[in-house]
Amino acid sequence: HWTLLSVSLLNCLLSTACSVGLALAIALTVHSRGMHLVRGCDSSALPDDARAAIATNDCPFNTTRIYDTALALWFPAMLLAAAEAVLSGRCCLVALIFRGIGPCGRSYSKEQV
C-alpha cells in the first residue's frame, strides 16, 4: 500500500507539472504567434508571423509547419497528462483508503473499494 501511495503521489505531481508546463508552452506560443519556436533562426530572414515563415538556409530546420505541428501535438499531450494526473490522484486516494488514513479511511468506502 505504501508503494502504491508513494508512486501514485509522485506520478500525480509529475503529471500535473507536465500539464502546467504544456499549458504554459501553448500560451507562450500562441501569444508570440510562434516566434519563440523559431528563435534559433536568423530573425531578419523570418517574417513577423511564424505561420508564414518559409524554410531558409539560416535555420537548421524547416519552419513551414512548425507552429501548427507543435500545437497539434501539445494539445493532446496536455489533455493526456491531465487525465494521467487525475487517475494518479484517484490511485493515491485508494491507497490512503487502504491504509486507513484520512476521513474516508475508516468508513464504508474501504469495504466498497
Protein backbone atom coordinates (compact mmCIF):
# COMPACT_ATOMS: atom_id res chain seq x y z
CA HIS A 1 0.00 0.00 0.00
CA TRP A 2 2.84 2.37 0.80
CA THR A 3 4.42 1.74 -2.59
CA LEU A 4 1.14 2.46 -4.34
CA LEU A 5 0.73 5.63 -2.31
CA SER A 6 4.23 6.96 -2.98
CA VAL A 7 4.33 6.06 -6.68
CA SER A 8 0.85 7.42 -7.38
CA LEU A 9 1.59 10.64 -5.48
CA LEU A 10 4.85 11.13 -7.36
CA ASN A 11 3.17 10.40 -10.69
CA CYS A 12 0.33 12.79 -9.87
CA LEU A 13 2.80 15.59 -9.12
CA LEU A 14 4.85 14.93 -12.25
CA SER A 15 1.77 14.71 -14.48
CA THR A 16 0.42 17.95 -13.03
CA ALA A 17 3.74 19.67 -13.63
CA CYS A 18 3.78 18.35 -17.19
CA SER A 19 0.24 19.63 -17.82
CA VAL A 20 1.09 23.06 -16.43
CA GLY A 21 4.29 23.20 -18.47
CA LEU A 22 2.50 22.27 -21.67
CA ALA A 23 -0.25 24.82 -20.99
CA LEU A 24 2.41 27.48 -20.47
CA ALA A 25 4.20 26.48 -23.68
CA ILE A 26 0.92 26.64 -25.61
CA ALA A 27 0.08 30.05 -24.14
CA LEU A 28 3.52 31.48 -24.92
CA THR A 29 3.47 30.06 -28.44
CA VAL A 30 0.03 31.44 -29.22
CA HIS A 31 0.88 34.81 -27.65
CA SER A 32 4.09 35.19 -29.67
CA ARG A 33 2.45 33.80 -32.82
CA GLY A 34 5.10 31.10 -32.95
CA MET A 35 8.20 33.28 -32.94
CA HIS A 36 9.58 31.53 -29.84
CA LEU A 37 9.62 28.30 -31.86
CA VAL A 38 11.99 29.75 -34.45
CA ARG A 39 14.18 31.68 -32.03
CA GLY A 40 17.33 29.82 -33.10
CA CYS A 41 16.99 31.05 -36.66
CA ASP A 42 18.19 34.32 -38.17
CA SER A 43 15.34 36.64 -37.18
CA SER A 44 15.96 39.07 -40.03
CA ALA A 45 15.14 36.37 -42.57
CA LEU A 46 11.80 35.46 -40.96
CA PRO A 47 8.50 37.32 -41.22
CA ASP A 48 6.64 38.63 -38.17
CA ASP A 49 4.28 35.67 -38.17
CA ALA A 50 5.91 32.24 -37.85
CA ARG A 51 2.95 30.66 -39.64
CA ALA A 52 4.03 32.44 -42.82
CA ALA A 53 7.71 31.54 -42.40
CA ILE A 54 9.46 29.64 -45.13
CA ALA A 55 12.49 27.41 -44.88
CA THR A 56 15.67 29.42 -45.10
CA ASN A 57 19.32 28.46 -45.14
CA ASP A 58 19.77 30.31 -41.84
CA CYS A 59 17.51 27.93 -39.97
CA PRO A 60 18.55 24.34 -39.12
CA PHE A 61 15.01 23.01 -39.65
CA ASN A 62 12.02 23.51 -41.92
CA THR A 63 9.88 26.28 -40.43
CA THR A 64 6.89 25.95 -42.74
CA ARG A 65 4.65 23.96 -40.42
CA ILE A 66 6.29 24.16 -37.02
CA TYR A 67 3.56 26.34 -35.45
CA ASP A 68 0.63 24.13 -36.42
CA THR A 69 2.52 20.90 -35.73
CA ALA A 70 3.64 21.99 -32.27
CA LEU A 71 0.14 22.98 -31.24
CA ALA A 72 -1.38 19.84 -32.77
CA LEU A 73 0.98 17.71 -30.68
CA TRP A 74 0.90 19.76 -27.47
CA PHE A 75 -2.90 19.90 -27.03
CA PRO A 76 -3.44 16.09 -26.91
CA ALA A 77 -0.30 15.67 -24.79
CA MET A 78 -1.62 18.22 -22.29
CA LEU A 79 -5.02 16.51 -22.13
CA LEU A 80 -3.44 13.08 -21.64
CA ALA A 81 -1.12 14.39 -18.92
CA ALA A 82 -4.09 15.97 -17.14
CA ALA A 83 -6.02 12.69 -17.36
CA GLU A 84 -2.98 10.86 -16.01
CA ALA A 85 -2.79 13.29 -13.10
CA VAL A 86 -6.46 12.70 -12.28
CA LEU A 87 -6.10 8.92 -12.43
CA SER A 88 -2.94 9.03 -10.31
CA GLY A 89 -4.77 11.15 -7.77
CA ARG A 90 -7.51 8.56 -7.60
CA CYS A 91 -4.92 5.81 -7.09
CA CYS A 92 -3.41 7.88 -4.30
CA LEU A 93 -6.85 8.21 -2.71
CA VAL A 94 -7.39 4.44 -2.93
CA ALA A 95 -4.02 3.84 -1.28
CA LEU A 96 -4.99 6.21 1.53
CA ILE A 97 -8.27 4.34 1.99
CA PHE A 98 -6.44 1.00 2.10
CA ARG A 99 -4.08 2.35 4.78
CA GLY A 100 -6.98 3.76 6.79
CA ILE A 101 -5.65 7.31 6.55
CA GLY A 102 -7.90 10.31 6.10
CA PRO A 103 -11.59 10.97 6.60
CA CYS A 104 -12.81 8.12 4.40
CA GLY A 105 -10.28 5.55 5.60
CA ARG A 106 -12.48 4.02 8.32
CA SER A 107 -15.85 4.23 6.64
CA TYR A 108 -17.89 2.25 4.20
CA SER A 109 -15.57 3.37 1.39
CA LYS A 110 -12.92 0.87 2.48
CA GLU A 111 -15.29 -2.06 2.13
CA GLN A 112 -16.60 -0.67 -1.13
CA VAL A 113 -13.11 -0.47 -2.65
